[in-house]
Amino acid sequence: MITDSIFLEVGNLNGIVYFILLILLGPPVLLGIIGLILFRAKNRKAGKVFFILAGVYLVVGLGICGVIMTGM
């Protein structure tokens, strides 16, 4: 009975926090870099679209992942 409860105990969760931050900030940074490259390569309209996508992803990610990380 006691050995069954050992599997339910959770140890260090620092890796999960870093993983959530990577999901939160990784794609907007990548989309922003792609947008910057396209904007400088005279494909300004596509670059602006990628900037907008990066901004929307960042706002949504901050909302959802931020709530998950604060525990509300």
C-alpha atoms as a PDB file:
ATOM      1  CA  MET A   1       0.000   0.000   0.000  1.00  0.00           C
ATOM      2  CA  ILE A   2       2.794   2.435   0.854  1.00  0.00           C
ATOM      3  CA  THR A   3       4.751   1.542  -2.276  1.00  0.00           C
ATOM      4  CA  ASP A   4       1.750   2.487  -4.439  1.00  0.00           C
ATOM      5  CA  SER A   5       1.753   6.048  -3.097  1.00  0.00           C
ATOM      6  CA  ILE A   6       5.396   6.566  -4.091  1.00  0.00           C
ATOM      7  CA  PHE A   7       4.366   6.656  -7.755  1.00  0.00           C
ATOM      8  CA  LEU A   8       1.884   9.452  -7.038  1.00  0.00           C
ATOM      9  CA  GLU A   9       4.425  11.769  -5.428  1.00  0.00           C
ATOM     10  CA  VAL A  10       5.858  14.384  -7.735  1.00  0.00           C
ATOM     11  CA  GLY A  11       9.462  15.512  -7.555  1.00  0.00           C
ATOM     12  CA  ASN A  12      11.112  18.532  -9.175  1.00  0.00           C
ATOM     13  CA  LEU A  13       8.884  20.241 -11.774  1.00  0.00           C
ATOM     14  CA  ASN A  14      11.352  22.827 -13.077  1.00  0.00           C
ATOM     15  CA  GLY A  15      11.470  21.112 -16.464  1.00  0.00           C
ATOM     16  CA  ILE A  16       7.736  21.537 -16.953  1.00  0.00           C
ATOM     17  CA  VAL A  17       7.941  25.265 -16.222  1.00  0.00           C
ATOM     18  CA  TYR A  18      10.716  25.697 -18.793  1.00  0.00           C
ATOM     19  CA  PHE A  19       8.735  23.620 -21.300  1.00  0.00           C
ATOM     20  CA  ILE A  20       5.652  25.818 -20.842  1.00  0.00           C
ATOM     21  CA  LEU A  21       7.808  28.940 -21.287  1.00  0.00           C
ATOM     22  CA  LEU A  22       9.265  27.443 -24.466  1.00  0.00           C
ATOM     23  CA  ILE A  23       5.759  26.804 -25.812  1.00  0.00           C
ATOM     24  CA  LEU A  24       4.736  30.303 -24.723  1.00  0.00           C
ATOM     25  CA  LEU A  25       7.614  32.262 -26.264  1.00  0.00           C
ATOM     26  CA  GLY A  26       9.133  29.972 -28.913  1.00  0.00           C
ATOM     27  CA  PRO A  27       6.658  30.244 -31.799  1.00  0.00           C
ATOM     28  CA  PRO A  28       6.174  34.034 -31.568  1.00  0.00           C
ATOM     29  CA  VAL A  29       9.936  34.563 -31.688  1.00  0.00           C
ATOM     30  CA  LEU A  30      10.239  32.199 -34.653  1.00  0.00           C
ATOM     31  CA  LEU A  31       7.343  33.867 -36.479  1.00  0.00           C
ATOM     32  CA  GLY A  32       8.846  37.282 -35.736  1.00  0.00           C
ATOM     33  CA  ILE A  33      12.214  36.269 -37.179  1.00  0.00           C
ATOM     34  CA  ILE A  34      10.546  34.871 -40.297  1.00  0.00           C
ATOM     35  CA  GLY A  35       8.519  38.077 -40.605  1.00  0.00           C
ATOM     36  CA  LEU A  36      11.655  40.189 -40.284  1.00  0.00           C
ATOM     37  CA  ILE A  37      13.425  38.174 -42.985  1.00  0.00           C
ATOM     38  CA  LEU A  38      10.444  38.459 -45.317  1.00  0.00           C
ATOM     39  CA  PHE A  39      10.008  42.157 -44.579  1.00  0.00           C
ATOM     40  CA  ARG A  40      13.629  42.889 -45.442  1.00  0.00           C
ATOM     41  CA  ALA A  41      13.519  40.692 -48.568  1.00  0.00           C
ATOM     42  CA  LYS A  42      11.043  43.079 -50.261  1.00  0.00           C
ATOM     43  CA  ASN A  43       8.103  40.807 -49.514  1.00  0.00           C
ATOM     44  CA  ARG A  44       6.630  43.328 -47.102  1.00  0.00           C
ATOM     45  CA  LYS A  45       3.040  42.107 -47.137  1.00  0.00           C
ATOM     46  CA  ALA A  46       3.965  38.564 -46.092  1.00  0.00           C
ATOM     47  CA  GLY A  47       6.332  39.973 -43.461  1.00  0.00           C
ATOM     48  CA  LYS A  48       3.537  42.055 -41.955  1.00  0.00           C
ATOM     49  CA  VAL A  49       1.283  38.993 -41.857  1.00  0.00           C
ATOM     50  CA  PHE A  50       3.930  37.052 -39.933  1.00  0.00           C
ATOM     51  CA  PHE A  51       4.375  39.958 -37.500  1.00  0.00           C
ATOM     52  CA  ILE A  52       0.630  39.988 -36.870  1.00  0.00           C
ATOM     53  CA  LEU A  53       0.588  36.203 -36.391  1.00  0.00           C
ATOM     54  CA  ALA A  54       3.456  36.469 -33.910  1.00  0.00           C
ATOM     55  CA  GLY A  55       1.616  39.161 -31.957  1.00  0.00           C
ATOM     56  CA  VAL A  56      -1.646  37.218 -31.837  1.00  0.00           C
ATOM     57  CA  TYR A  57       0.145  34.022 -30.791  1.00  0.00           C
ATOM     58  CA  LEU A  58       1.982  35.920 -28.051  1.00  0.00           C
ATOM     59  CA  VAL A  59      -1.198  37.488 -26.673  1.00  0.00           C
ATOM     60  CA  VAL A  60      -3.083  34.181 -26.700  1.00  0.00           C
ATOM     61  CA  GLY A  61      -0.105  32.291 -25.276  1.00  0.00           C
ATOM     62  CA  LEU A  62       0.380  34.797 -22.482  1.00  0.00           C
ATOM     63  CA  GLY A  63      -3.296  34.519 -21.638  1.00  0.00           C
ATOM     64  CA  ILE A  64      -3.591  30.741 -21.605  1.00  0.00           C
ATOM     65  CA  CYS A  65      -0.129  29.735 -20.390  1.00  0.00           C
ATOM     66  CA  GLY A  66      -0.033  32.626 -17.955  1.00  0.00           C
ATOM     67  CA  VAL A  67      -3.234  31.437 -16.332  1.00  0.00           C
ATOM     68  CA  ILE A  68      -1.925  27.865 -16.196  1.00  0.00           C
ATOM     69  CA  MET A  69       1.353  28.997 -14.577  1.00  0.00           C
ATOM     70  CA  THR A  70      -0.355  31.175 -11.964  1.00  0.00           C
ATOM     71  CA  GLY A  71      -2.689  28.327 -11.039  1.00  0.00           C
ATOM     72  CA  MET A  72      -5.989  30.174 -11.378  1.00  0.00           C
END
